[in-house]
Amino acid sequence: MNAIMTDFDIQSAEAHGKRKWEGLSELDQAIRDNRLMEYRVKKSWADPWGRRLTITVLVVIAAGFSYLAGGSFGLW
């Protein structure tokens, strides 16, 4: 029943169906290879704000651990 849909509508619908999602291909490959965590870490490290946040969180965790370890050894 082609009376309602024009040929232009059919062609544009086919073009949308055949379009590759190139932006998501790397994520799709990571999921397929079961390495999603590695993908997230690499993407976060590539982002300057993500890198700063990661370093800050690791420094805070290390400082807290050092404080607790020093307290248990009687250093303060």
N, C-alpha and C. Protein backbone atom coordinates (compact mmCIF):
# COMPACT_ATOMS: atom_id res chain seq x y z
N MET A 1 0.84 -1.16 0.00
CA MET A 1 0.00 0.00 0.00
C MET A 1 0.89 1.22 0.00
N ASN A 2 1.19 1.70 -1.16
CA ASN A 2 2.12 2.80 -1.34
C ASN A 2 1.41 4.12 -1.55
N ALA A 3 0.10 4.17 -1.36
CA ALA A 3 -0.65 5.39 -1.64
C ALA A 3 -0.38 6.46 -0.59
N ILE A 4 -0.10 6.06 0.65
CA ILE A 4 0.11 7.05 1.70
C ILE A 4 1.57 7.49 1.76
N MET A 5 2.49 6.55 1.68
CA MET A 5 3.91 6.88 1.76
C MET A 5 4.45 7.22 0.39
N THR A 6 5.16 8.29 0.31
CA THR A 6 5.81 8.63 -0.95
C THR A 6 7.10 7.84 -1.08
N ASP A 7 7.65 7.86 -2.26
CA ASP A 7 8.91 7.16 -2.49
C ASP A 7 10.03 7.77 -1.65
N PHE A 8 9.97 9.06 -1.43
CA PHE A 8 10.98 9.74 -0.61
C PHE A 8 10.97 9.20 0.82
N ASP A 9 9.79 8.98 1.37
CA ASP A 9 9.68 8.44 2.72
C ASP A 9 10.25 7.03 2.80
N ILE A 10 10.02 6.23 1.80
CA ILE A 10 10.53 4.86 1.79
C ILE A 10 12.05 4.86 1.70
N GLN A 11 12.59 5.71 0.84
CA GLN A 11 14.04 5.77 0.68
C GLN A 11 14.71 6.28 1.95
N SER A 12 14.13 7.28 2.61
CA SER A 12 14.76 7.80 3.82
C SER A 12 14.67 6.78 4.95
N ALA A 13 13.60 5.99 5.00
CA ALA A 13 13.48 4.95 6.02
C ALA A 13 14.53 3.86 5.79
N GLU A 14 14.77 3.51 4.54
CA GLU A 14 15.79 2.51 4.23
C GLU A 14 17.17 3.04 4.56
N ALA A 15 17.41 4.31 4.33
CA ALA A 15 18.72 4.89 4.64
C ALA A 15 18.99 4.89 6.14
N HIS A 16 17.96 5.15 6.94
CA HIS A 16 18.14 5.11 8.39
C HIS A 16 18.40 3.70 8.87
N GLY A 17 17.81 2.72 8.25
CA GLY A 17 18.01 1.34 8.65
C GLY A 17 19.40 0.83 8.31
N LYS A 18 19.98 1.32 7.25
CA LYS A 18 21.28 0.84 6.81
C LYS A 18 22.45 1.63 7.40
N ARG A 19 22.16 2.72 8.08
CA ARG A 19 23.23 3.57 8.61
C ARG A 19 23.99 2.83 9.71
N LYS A 20 25.31 2.89 9.61
CA LYS A 20 26.14 2.27 10.65
C LYS A 20 26.34 3.27 11.78
N TRP A 21 26.34 2.79 12.97
CA TRP A 21 26.57 3.64 14.14
C TRP A 21 28.06 3.61 14.44
N GLU A 22 28.82 4.37 13.68
CA GLU A 22 30.27 4.34 13.82
C GLU A 22 30.73 4.88 15.17
N GLY A 23 29.99 5.80 15.75
CA GLY A 23 30.37 6.34 17.04
C GLY A 23 30.28 5.32 18.17
N LEU A 24 29.44 4.33 17.99
CA LEU A 24 29.26 3.32 19.03
C LEU A 24 29.97 2.01 18.71
N SER A 25 30.70 1.96 17.60
CA SER A 25 31.34 0.71 17.22
C SER A 25 32.42 0.30 18.21
N GLU A 26 33.15 1.28 18.77
CA GLU A 26 34.19 0.94 19.74
C GLU A 26 33.58 0.38 21.02
N LEU A 27 32.48 0.98 21.45
CA LEU A 27 31.78 0.48 22.64
C LEU A 27 31.21 -0.92 22.39
N ASP A 28 30.66 -1.11 21.21
CA ASP A 28 30.10 -2.42 20.86
C ASP A 28 31.19 -3.48 20.86
N GLN A 29 32.35 -3.14 20.32
CA GLN A 29 33.47 -4.08 20.31
C GLN A 29 33.94 -4.38 21.72
N ALA A 30 33.96 -3.37 22.59
CA ALA A 30 34.37 -3.59 23.98
C ALA A 30 33.41 -4.52 24.70
N ILE A 31 32.12 -4.34 24.46
CA ILE A 31 31.12 -5.21 25.09
C ILE A 31 31.28 -6.63 24.58
N ARG A 32 31.50 -6.76 23.27
CA ARG A 32 31.66 -8.09 22.69
C ARG A 32 32.88 -8.81 23.27
N ASP A 33 33.97 -8.06 23.48
CA ASP A 33 35.19 -8.67 24.00
C ASP A 33 35.20 -8.74 25.52
N ASN A 34 34.11 -8.31 26.16
CA ASN A 34 33.97 -8.34 27.62
C ASN A 34 35.07 -7.53 28.29
N ARG A 35 35.35 -6.36 27.75
CA ARG A 35 36.34 -5.48 28.34
C ARG A 35 35.77 -4.08 28.51
N LEU A 36 34.58 -4.01 29.01
CA LEU A 36 33.88 -2.73 29.17
C LEU A 36 34.57 -1.86 30.22
N MET A 37 35.09 -2.46 31.28
CA MET A 37 35.77 -1.67 32.31
C MET A 37 37.03 -1.01 31.74
N GLU A 38 37.77 -1.74 30.94
CA GLU A 38 38.97 -1.18 30.31
C GLU A 38 38.60 -0.01 29.40
N TYR A 39 37.51 -0.13 28.68
CA TYR A 39 37.03 0.94 27.81
C TYR A 39 36.69 2.18 28.63
N ARG A 40 36.00 2.00 29.74
CA ARG A 40 35.61 3.14 30.58
C ARG A 40 36.83 3.82 31.18
N VAL A 41 37.82 3.05 31.62
CA VAL A 41 39.02 3.64 32.22
C VAL A 41 39.79 4.41 31.17
N LYS A 42 39.94 3.86 29.98
CA LYS A 42 40.67 4.56 28.91
C LYS A 42 39.96 5.86 28.52
N LYS A 43 38.65 5.82 28.40
CA LYS A 43 37.89 7.03 28.05
C LYS A 43 37.99 8.07 29.16
N SER A 44 37.93 7.65 30.41
CA SER A 44 38.02 8.58 31.52
C SER A 44 39.42 9.18 31.60
N TRP A 45 40.45 8.38 31.35
CA TRP A 45 41.82 8.88 31.43
C TRP A 45 42.11 9.84 30.27
N ALA A 46 41.44 9.67 29.15
CA ALA A 46 41.65 10.57 28.01
C ALA A 46 41.03 11.94 28.24
N ASP A 47 40.04 12.01 29.09
CA ASP A 47 39.36 13.27 29.41
C ASP A 47 40.15 13.99 30.51
N PRO A 48 40.53 15.27 30.31
CA PRO A 48 41.32 15.97 31.32
C PRO A 48 40.62 16.07 32.68
N TRP A 49 39.32 16.33 32.70
CA TRP A 49 38.60 16.41 33.97
C TRP A 49 38.50 15.04 34.63
N GLY A 50 38.31 14.02 33.83
CA GLY A 50 38.25 12.66 34.37
C GLY A 50 39.58 12.25 34.98
N ARG A 51 40.67 12.64 34.32
CA ARG A 51 42.00 12.32 34.83
C ARG A 51 42.24 13.02 36.16
N ARG A 52 41.87 14.31 36.25
CA ARG A 52 42.05 15.05 37.50
C ARG A 52 41.22 14.45 38.63
N LEU A 53 39.99 14.08 38.30
CA LEU A 53 39.12 13.48 39.32
C LEU A 53 39.68 12.14 39.79
N THR A 54 40.18 11.33 38.87
CA THR A 54 40.74 10.04 39.24
C THR A 54 41.95 10.21 40.14
N ILE A 55 42.85 11.12 39.78
CA ILE A 55 44.05 11.36 40.59
C ILE A 55 43.66 11.89 41.97
N THR A 56 42.70 12.82 42.02
CA THR A 56 42.25 13.37 43.30
C THR A 56 41.67 12.30 44.20
N VAL A 57 40.82 11.45 43.66
CA VAL A 57 40.20 10.39 44.45
C VAL A 57 41.27 9.42 44.96
N LEU A 58 42.23 9.06 44.12
CA LEU A 58 43.28 8.15 44.56
C LEU A 58 44.16 8.77 45.64
N VAL A 59 44.44 10.07 45.54
CA VAL A 59 45.24 10.75 46.57
C VAL A 59 44.48 10.80 47.89
N VAL A 60 43.18 11.08 47.84
CA VAL A 60 42.37 11.12 49.07
C VAL A 60 42.32 9.74 49.72
N ILE A 61 42.14 8.70 48.93
CA ILE A 61 42.11 7.33 49.47
C ILE A 61 43.46 6.97 50.07
N ALA A 62 44.56 7.33 49.38
CA ALA A 62 45.90 7.03 49.90
C ALA A 62 46.16 7.80 51.19
N ALA A 63 45.72 9.07 51.26
CA ALA A 63 45.91 9.87 52.47
C ALA A 63 45.12 9.27 53.63
N GLY A 64 43.90 8.85 53.39
CA GLY A 64 43.09 8.22 54.44
C GLY A 64 43.71 6.93 54.92
N PHE A 65 44.19 6.12 53.99
CA PHE A 65 44.83 4.85 54.36
C PHE A 65 46.10 5.11 55.16
N SER A 66 46.89 6.11 54.74
CA SER A 66 48.11 6.45 55.46
C SER A 66 47.81 6.94 56.87
N TYR A 67 46.78 7.74 57.00
CA TYR A 67 46.39 8.23 58.32
C TYR A 67 45.99 7.07 59.24
N LEU A 68 45.18 6.18 58.72
CA LEU A 68 44.75 5.04 59.52
C LEU A 68 45.91 4.11 59.85
N ALA A 69 46.79 3.87 58.88
CA ALA A 69 47.95 2.99 59.13
C ALA A 69 48.88 3.64 60.14
N GLY A 70 49.11 4.95 60.01
CA GLY A 70 49.97 5.65 60.97
C GLY A 70 49.38 5.64 62.37
N GLY A 71 48.07 5.79 62.46
CA GLY A 71 47.39 5.75 63.76
C GLY A 71 47.48 4.39 64.40
N SER A 72 47.41 3.35 63.62
CA SER A 72 47.48 1.99 64.19
C SER A 72 48.90 1.65 64.63
N PHE A 73 49.90 2.28 64.05
CA PHE A 73 51.30 2.06 64.46
C PHE A 73 51.74 3.04 65.54
N GLY A 74 50.84 3.92 65.96
CA GLY A 74 51.14 4.84 67.04
C GLY A 74 52.01 6.02 66.63
N LEU A 75 51.97 6.39 65.36
CA LEU A 75 52.79 7.51 64.91
C LEU A 75 52.18 8.86 65.30
N TRP A 76 50.88 8.92 65.53
CA TRP A 76 50.22 10.16 65.98
C TRP A 76 49.02 9.85 66.80
